[in-house]
PDB file of all heavy atoms in Angstrom:
ATOM      1  N   ASN A   1     134.198  80.074 -58.689  1.00  0.00           N
ATOM      2  CA  ASN A   1     134.161  81.246 -57.901  1.00  0.00           C
ATOM      3  C   ASN A   1     134.012  82.437 -58.795  1.00  0.00           C
ATOM      4  O   ASN A   1     134.847  82.722 -59.650  1.00  0.00           O
ATOM      5  CB  ASN A   1     135.448  81.387 -57.082  1.00  0.00           C
ATOM      6  CG  ASN A   1     135.477  82.632 -56.207  1.00  0.00           C
ATOM      7  OD1 ASN A   1     134.780  82.811 -55.269  1.00  0.00           O
ATOM      8  ND2 ASN A   1     136.354  83.604 -56.687  1.00  0.00           N
ATOM      9  N   GLU A   2     132.947  83.220 -58.567  1.00  0.00           N
ATOM     10  CA  GLU A   2     132.706  84.466 -59.203  1.00  0.00           C
ATOM     11  C   GLU A   2     132.937  84.339 -60.735  1.00  0.00           C
ATOM     12  O   GLU A   2     133.716  85.127 -61.344  1.00  0.00           O
ATOM     13  CB  GLU A   2     133.657  85.568 -58.616  1.00  0.00           C
ATOM     14  CG  GLU A   2     133.302  85.873 -57.129  1.00  0.00           C
ATOM     15  CD  GLU A   2     134.185  86.867 -56.544  1.00  0.00           C
ATOM     16  OE1 GLU A   2     135.305  87.210 -57.114  1.00  0.00           O
ATOM     17  OE2 GLU A   2     133.855  87.408 -55.398  1.00  0.00           O
ATOM     18  N   ASP A   3     132.294  83.381 -61.346  1.00  0.00           N
ATOM     19  CA  ASP A   3     132.502  83.111 -62.786  1.00  0.00           C
ATOM     20  C   ASP A   3     131.835  84.147 -63.645  1.00  0.00           C
ATOM     21  O   ASP A   3     131.951  84.118 -64.924  1.00  0.00           O
ATOM     22  CB  ASP A   3     131.933  81.731 -63.115  1.00  0.00           C
ATOM     23  CG  ASP A   3     132.881  80.624 -62.652  1.00  0.00           C
ATOM     24  OD1 ASP A   3     132.912  80.284 -61.430  1.00  0.00           O
ATOM     25  OD2 ASP A   3     133.713  80.077 -63.382  1.00  0.00           O
ATOM     26  N   ASN A   4     131.150  85.099 -63.060  1.00  0.00           N
ATOM     27  CA  ASN A   4     130.605  86.168 -63.873  1.00  0.00           C
ATOM     28  C   ASN A   4     131.595  87.254 -64.174  1.00  0.00           C
ATOM     29  O   ASN A   4     131.369  88.180 -64.895  1.00  0.00           O
ATOM     30  CB  ASN A   4     129.401  86.765 -63.173  1.00  0.00           C
ATOM     31  CG  ASN A   4     129.752  87.246 -61.729  1.00  0.00           C
ATOM     32  OD1 ASN A   4     130.457  86.550 -61.014  1.00  0.00           O
ATOM     33  ND2 ASN A   4     129.247  88.365 -61.311  1.00  0.00           N
ATOM     34  N   LEU A   5     132.802  87.126 -63.566  1.00  0.00           N
ATOM     35  CA  LEU A   5     133.892  88.081 -63.771  1.00  0.00           C
ATOM     36  C   LEU A   5     135.017  87.487 -64.658  1.00  0.00           C
ATOM     37  O   LEU A   5     134.995  86.290 -65.013  1.00  0.00           O
ATOM     38  CB  LEU A   5     134.538  88.469 -62.430  1.00  0.00           C
ATOM     39  CG  LEU A   5     133.560  88.958 -61.387  1.00  0.00           C
ATOM     40  CD1 LEU A   5     134.302  89.289 -60.080  1.00  0.00           C
ATOM     41  CD2 LEU A   5     132.783  90.204 -61.889  1.00  0.00           C
ATOM     42  N   ASN A   6     135.889  88.338 -65.107  1.00  0.00           N
ATOM     43  CA  ASN A   6     137.131  87.871 -65.821  1.00  0.00           C
ATOM     44  C   ASN A   6     136.842  87.052 -67.035  1.00  0.00           C
ATOM     45  O   ASN A   6     137.374  86.022 -67.309  1.00  0.00           O
ATOM     46  CB  ASN A   6     138.006  86.986 -64.879  1.00  0.00           C
ATOM     47  CG  ASN A   6     138.464  87.783 -63.621  1.00  0.00           C
ATOM     48  OD1 ASN A   6     138.827  88.948 -63.735  1.00  0.00           O
ATOM     49  ND2 ASN A   6     138.316  87.147 -62.467  1.00  0.00           N
ATOM     50  N   ASN A   7     135.840  87.564 -67.860  1.00  0.00           N
ATOM     51  CA  ASN A   7     135.546  86.918 -69.128  1.00  0.00           C
ATOM     52  C   ASN A   7     134.878  85.572 -68.984  1.00  0.00           C
ATOM     53  O   ASN A   7     134.868  84.759 -69.905  1.00  0.00           O
ATOM     54  CB  ASN A   7     136.819  86.737 -69.938  1.00  0.00           C
ATOM     55  CG  ASN A   7     136.578  86.310 -71.404  1.00  0.00           C
ATOM     56  OD1 ASN A   7     135.685  86.853 -72.013  1.00  0.00           O
ATOM     57  ND2 ASN A   7     137.335  85.413 -71.870  1.00  0.00           N
ATOM     58  N   GLY A   8     134.281  85.290 -67.829  1.00  0.00           N
ATOM     59  CA  GLY A   8     133.765  83.922 -67.553  1.00  0.00           C
ATOM     60  C   GLY A   8     132.304  83.699 -67.702  1.00  0.00           C
ATOM     61  O   GLY A   8     131.868  82.567 -67.867  1.00  0.00           O
ATOM     62  N   GLN A   9     131.477  84.809 -67.687  1.00  0.00           N
ATOM     63  CA  GLN A   9     130.047  84.648 -67.600  1.00  0.00           C
ATOM     64  C   GLN A   9     129.445  83.887 -68.795  1.00  0.00           C
ATOM     65  O   GLN A   9     128.599  82.999 -68.636  1.00  0.00           O
ATOM     66  CB  GLN A   9     129.377  85.956 -67.413  1.00  0.00           C
ATOM     67  CG  GLN A   9     127.915  85.869 -67.172  1.00  0.00           C
ATOM     68  CD  GLN A   9     127.274  87.145 -66.652  1.00  0.00           C
ATOM     69  OE1 GLN A   9     127.925  88.071 -66.250  1.00  0.00           O
ATOM     70  NE2 GLN A   9     125.885  87.230 -66.671  1.00  0.00           N
ATOM     71  N   ALA A  10     129.821  84.317 -69.982  1.00  0.00           N
ATOM     72  CA  ALA A  10     129.187  83.736 -71.205  1.00  0.00           C
ATOM     73  C   ALA A  10     129.418  82.239 -71.253  1.00  0.00           C
ATOM     74  O   ALA A  10     128.461  81.462 -71.457  1.00  0.00           O
ATOM     75  CB  ALA A  10     129.769  84.391 -72.392  1.00  0.00           C
ATOM     76  N   SER A  11     130.626  81.767 -71.021  1.00  0.00           N
ATOM     77  CA  SER A  11     130.899  80.319 -71.128  1.00  0.00           C
ATOM     78  C   SER A  11     130.307  79.572 -69.942  1.00  0.00           C
ATOM     79  O   SER A  11     129.882  78.457 -70.110  1.00  0.00           O
ATOM     80  CB  SER A  11     132.387  80.066 -71.210  1.00  0.00           C
ATOM     81  OG  SER A  11     133.073  80.563 -70.044  1.00  0.00           O
ATOM     82  N   TYR A  12     130.270  80.230 -68.761  1.00  0.00           N
ATOM     83  CA  TYR A  12     129.655  79.609 -67.566  1.00  0.00           C
ATOM     84  C   TYR A  12     128.194  79.321 -67.780  1.00  0.00           C
ATOM     85  O   TYR A  12     127.696  78.236 -67.514  1.00  0.00           O
ATOM     86  CB  TYR A  12     129.841  80.492 -66.375  1.00  0.00           C
ATOM     87  CG  TYR A  12     129.595  79.873 -65.041  1.00  0.00           C
ATOM     88  CD1 TYR A  12     130.559  78.974 -64.430  1.00  0.00           C
ATOM     89  CD2 TYR A  12     128.427  80.151 -64.274  1.00  0.00           C
ATOM     90  CE1 TYR A  12     130.336  78.418 -63.191  1.00  0.00           C
ATOM     91  CE2 TYR A  12     128.213  79.560 -63.060  1.00  0.00           C
ATOM     92  CZ  TYR A  12     129.187  78.727 -62.528  1.00  0.00           C
ATOM     93  OH  TYR A  12     128.957  78.127 -61.277  1.00  0.00           O
ATOM     94  N   GLU A  13     127.489  80.292 -68.379  1.00  0.00           N
ATOM     95  CA  GLU A  13     126.069  80.142 -68.586  1.00  0.00           C
ATOM     96  C   GLU A  13     125.711  79.291 -69.774  1.00  0.00           C
ATOM     97  O   GLU A  13     124.717  78.634 -69.840  1.00  0.00           O
ATOM     98  CB  GLU A  13     125.330  81.476 -68.668  1.00  0.00           C
ATOM     99  CG  GLU A  13     125.477  82.310 -67.376  1.00  0.00           C
ATOM    100  CD  GLU A  13     124.689  83.601 -67.385  1.00  0.00           C
ATOM    101  OE1 GLU A  13     123.939  83.794 -68.343  1.00  0.00           O
ATOM    102  OE2 GLU A  13     124.818  84.414 -66.469  1.00  0.00           O
ATOM    103  N   ALA A  14     126.667  79.230 -70.722  1.00  0.00           N
ATOM    104  CA  ALA A  14     126.461  78.507 -71.947  1.00  0.00           C
ATOM    105  C   ALA A  14     126.673  76.955 -71.736  1.00  0.00           C
ATOM    106  O   ALA A  14     125.901  76.185 -72.214  1.00  0.00           O
ATOM    107  CB  ALA A  14     127.300  79.064 -73.070  1.00  0.00           C
ATOM    108  N   TYR A  15     127.748  76.622 -71.032  1.00  0.00           N
ATOM    109  CA  TYR A  15     128.121  75.200 -70.980  1.00  0.00           C
ATOM    110  C   TYR A  15     128.876  74.757 -69.722  1.00  0.00           C
ATOM    111  O   TYR A  15     128.717  73.592 -69.276  1.00  0.00           O
ATOM    112  CB  TYR A  15     128.871  74.721 -72.211  1.00  0.00           C
ATOM    113  CG  TYR A  15     130.290  75.347 -72.396  1.00  0.00           C
ATOM    114  CD1 TYR A  15     131.389  74.774 -71.709  1.00  0.00           C
ATOM    115  CD2 TYR A  15     130.469  76.524 -73.119  1.00  0.00           C
ATOM    116  CE1 TYR A  15     132.649  75.321 -71.915  1.00  0.00           C
ATOM    117  CE2 TYR A  15     131.742  77.043 -73.247  1.00  0.00           C
ATOM    118  CZ  TYR A  15     132.778  76.484 -72.640  1.00  0.00           C
ATOM    119  OH  TYR A  15     134.020  77.041 -72.796  1.00  0.00           O
ATOM    120  N   ARG A  16     129.594  75.616 -69.106  1.00  0.00           N
ATOM    121  CA  ARG A  16     130.455  75.169 -68.031  1.00  0.00           C
ATOM    122  C   ARG A  16     129.611  74.724 -66.777  1.00  0.00           C
ATOM    123  O   ARG A  16     129.803  73.639 -66.267  1.00  0.00           O
ATOM    124  CB  ARG A  16     131.494  76.206 -67.646  1.00  0.00           C
ATOM    125  CG  ARG A  16     132.603  76.451 -68.682  1.00  0.00           C
ATOM    126  CD  ARG A  16     133.793  77.176 -68.168  1.00  0.00           C
ATOM    127  NE  ARG A  16     133.480  78.582 -67.908  1.00  0.00           N
ATOM    128  CZ  ARG A  16     133.581  79.191 -66.735  1.00  0.00           C
ATOM    129  NH1 ARG A  16     133.914  78.466 -65.626  1.00  0.00           N
ATOM    130  NH2 ARG A  16     133.279  80.468 -66.558  1.00  0.00           N
ATOM    131  N   PHE A  17     128.732  75.583 -66.282  1.00  0.00           N
ATOM    132  CA  PHE A  17     127.955  75.155 -65.125  1.00  0.00           C
ATOM    133  C   PHE A  17     127.127  73.998 -65.402  1.00  0.00           C
ATOM    134  O   PHE A  17     127.104  73.052 -64.525  1.00  0.00           O
ATOM    135  CB  PHE A  17     127.091  76.316 -64.684  1.00  0.00           C
ATOM    136  CG  PHE A  17     126.201  75.985 -63.448  1.00  0.00           C
ATOM    137  CD1 PHE A  17     126.713  75.910 -62.241  1.00  0.00           C
ATOM    138  CD2 PHE A  17     124.855  75.604 -63.697  1.00  0.00           C
ATOM    139  CE1 PHE A  17     125.918  75.517 -61.154  1.00  0.00           C
ATOM    140  CE2 PHE A  17     124.033  75.201 -62.623  1.00  0.00           C
ATOM    141  CZ  PHE A  17     124.593  75.216 -61.325  1.00  0.00           C
ATOM    142  N   LYS A  18     126.508  73.933 -66.541  1.00  0.00           N
ATOM    143  CA  LYS A  18     125.677  72.807 -66.822  1.00  0.00           C
ATOM    144  C   LYS A  18     126.395  71.456 -66.931  1.00  0.00           C
ATOM    145  O   LYS A  18     125.884  70.426 -66.485  1.00  0.00           O
ATOM    146  CB  LYS A  18     124.918  72.955 -68.221  1.00  0.00           C
ATOM    147  CG  LYS A  18     123.904  71.939 -68.555  1.00  0.00           C
ATOM    148  CD  LYS A  18     123.257  72.252 -69.881  1.00  0.00           C
ATOM    149  CE  LYS A  18     122.112  71.268 -70.160  1.00  0.00           C
ATOM    150  NZ  LYS A  18     122.508  69.846 -70.232  1.00  0.00           N
ATOM    151  N   ALA A  19     127.615  71.506 -67.455  1.00  0.00           N
ATOM    152  CA  ALA A  19     128.376  70.277 -67.505  1.00  0.00           C
ATOM    153  C   ALA A  19     128.697  69.717 -66.147  1.00  0.00           C
ATOM    154  O   ALA A  19     128.573  68.504 -65.890  1.00  0.00           O
ATOM    155  CB  ALA A  19     129.748  70.556 -68.250  1.00  0.00           C
ATOM    156  N   PHE A  20     129.055  70.533 -65.201  1.00  0.00           N
ATOM    157  CA  PHE A  20     129.313  70.128 -63.847  1.00  0.00           C
ATOM    158  C   PHE A  20     128.032  69.735 -63.123  1.00  0.00           C
ATOM    159  O   PHE A  20     128.016  68.701 -62.458  1.00  0.00           O
ATOM    160  CB  PHE A  20     130.072  71.236 -63.021  1.00  0.00           C
ATOM    161  CG  PHE A  20     131.488  71.396 -63.348  1.00  0.00           C
ATOM    162  CD1 PHE A  20     131.888  72.275 -64.401  1.00  0.00           C
ATOM    163  CD2 PHE A  20     132.424  70.665 -62.672  1.00  0.00           C
ATOM    164  CE1 PHE A  20     133.234  72.397 -64.691  1.00  0.00           C
ATOM    165  CE2 PHE A  20     133.811  70.818 -62.968  1.00  0.00           C
ATOM    166  CZ  PHE A  20     134.184  71.690 -63.918  1.00  0.00           C
ATOM    167  N   TYR A  21     126.980  70.516 -63.319  1.00  0.00           N
ATOM    168  CA  TYR A  21     125.719  70.306 -62.640  1.00  0.00           C
ATOM    169  C   TYR A  21     125.162  68.966 -63.028  1.00  0.00           C
ATOM    170  O   TYR A  21     124.731  68.114 -62.209  1.00  0.00           O
ATOM    171  CB  TYR A  21     124.685  71.411 -63.003  1.00  0.00           C
ATOM    172  CG  TYR A  21     123.336  71.153 -62.409  1.00  0.00           C
ATOM    173  CD1 TYR A  21     123.021  71.604 -61.009  1.00  0.00           C
ATOM    174  CD2 TYR A  21     122.362  70.546 -63.103  1.00  0.00           C
ATOM    175  CE1 TYR A  21     121.824  71.353 -60.552  1.00  0.00           C
ATOM    176  CE2 TYR A  21     121.164  70.290 -62.556  1.00  0.00           C
ATOM    177  CZ  TYR A  21     120.783  70.712 -61.308  1.00  0.00           C
ATOM    178  OH  TYR A  21     119.568  70.416 -60.738  1.00  0.00           O
ATOM    179  N   ASP A  22     125.106  68.704 -64.333  1.00  0.00           N
ATOM    180  CA  ASP A  22     124.521  67.442 -64.829  1.00  0.00           C
ATOM    181  C   ASP A  22     125.307  66.208 -64.340  1.00  0.00           C
ATOM    182  O   ASP A  22     124.676  65.217 -63.919  1.00  0.00           O
ATOM    183  CB  ASP A  22     124.517  67.455 -66.353  1.00  0.00           C
ATOM    184  CG  ASP A  22     123.447  68.414 -66.928  1.00  0.00           C
ATOM    185  OD1 ASP A  22     122.627  68.898 -66.169  1.00  0.00           O
ATOM    186  OD2 ASP A  22     123.511  68.663 -68.160  1.00  0.00           O
ATOM    187  N   ALA A  23     126.626  66.309 -64.393  1.00  0.00           N
ATOM    188  CA  ALA A  23     127.436  65.157 -63.968  1.00  0.00           C
ATOM    189  C   ALA A  23     127.375  64.894 -62.447  1.00  0.00           C
ATOM    190  O   ALA A  23     127.234  63.735 -62.062  1.00  0.00           O
ATOM    191  CB  ALA A  23     128.852  65.387 -64.406  1.00  0.00           C
ATOM    192  N   ILE A  24     127.331  66.015 -61.651  1.00  0.00           N
ATOM    193  CA  ILE A  24     127.332  65.795 -60.213  1.00  0.00           C
ATOM    194  C   ILE A  24     125.961  65.305 -59.749  1.00  0.00           C
ATOM    195  O   ILE A  24     125.839  64.335 -58.973  1.00  0.00           O
ATOM    196  CB  ILE A  24     127.651  67.120 -59.509  1.00  0.00           C
ATOM    197  CG1 ILE A  24     129.114  67.473 -59.714  1.00  0.00           C
ATOM    198  CG2 ILE A  24     127.403  66.981 -57.982  1.00  0.00           C
ATOM    199  CD1 ILE A  24     129.550  68.877 -59.289  1.00  0.00           C
TER     200      ILE A  24
END
């Protein structure tokens, strides 16, 4: 939820979203 906020955007775009997307 709103991972572009609270220091989240860099890690979300670098690896977090991709890890969930690929596995799901």
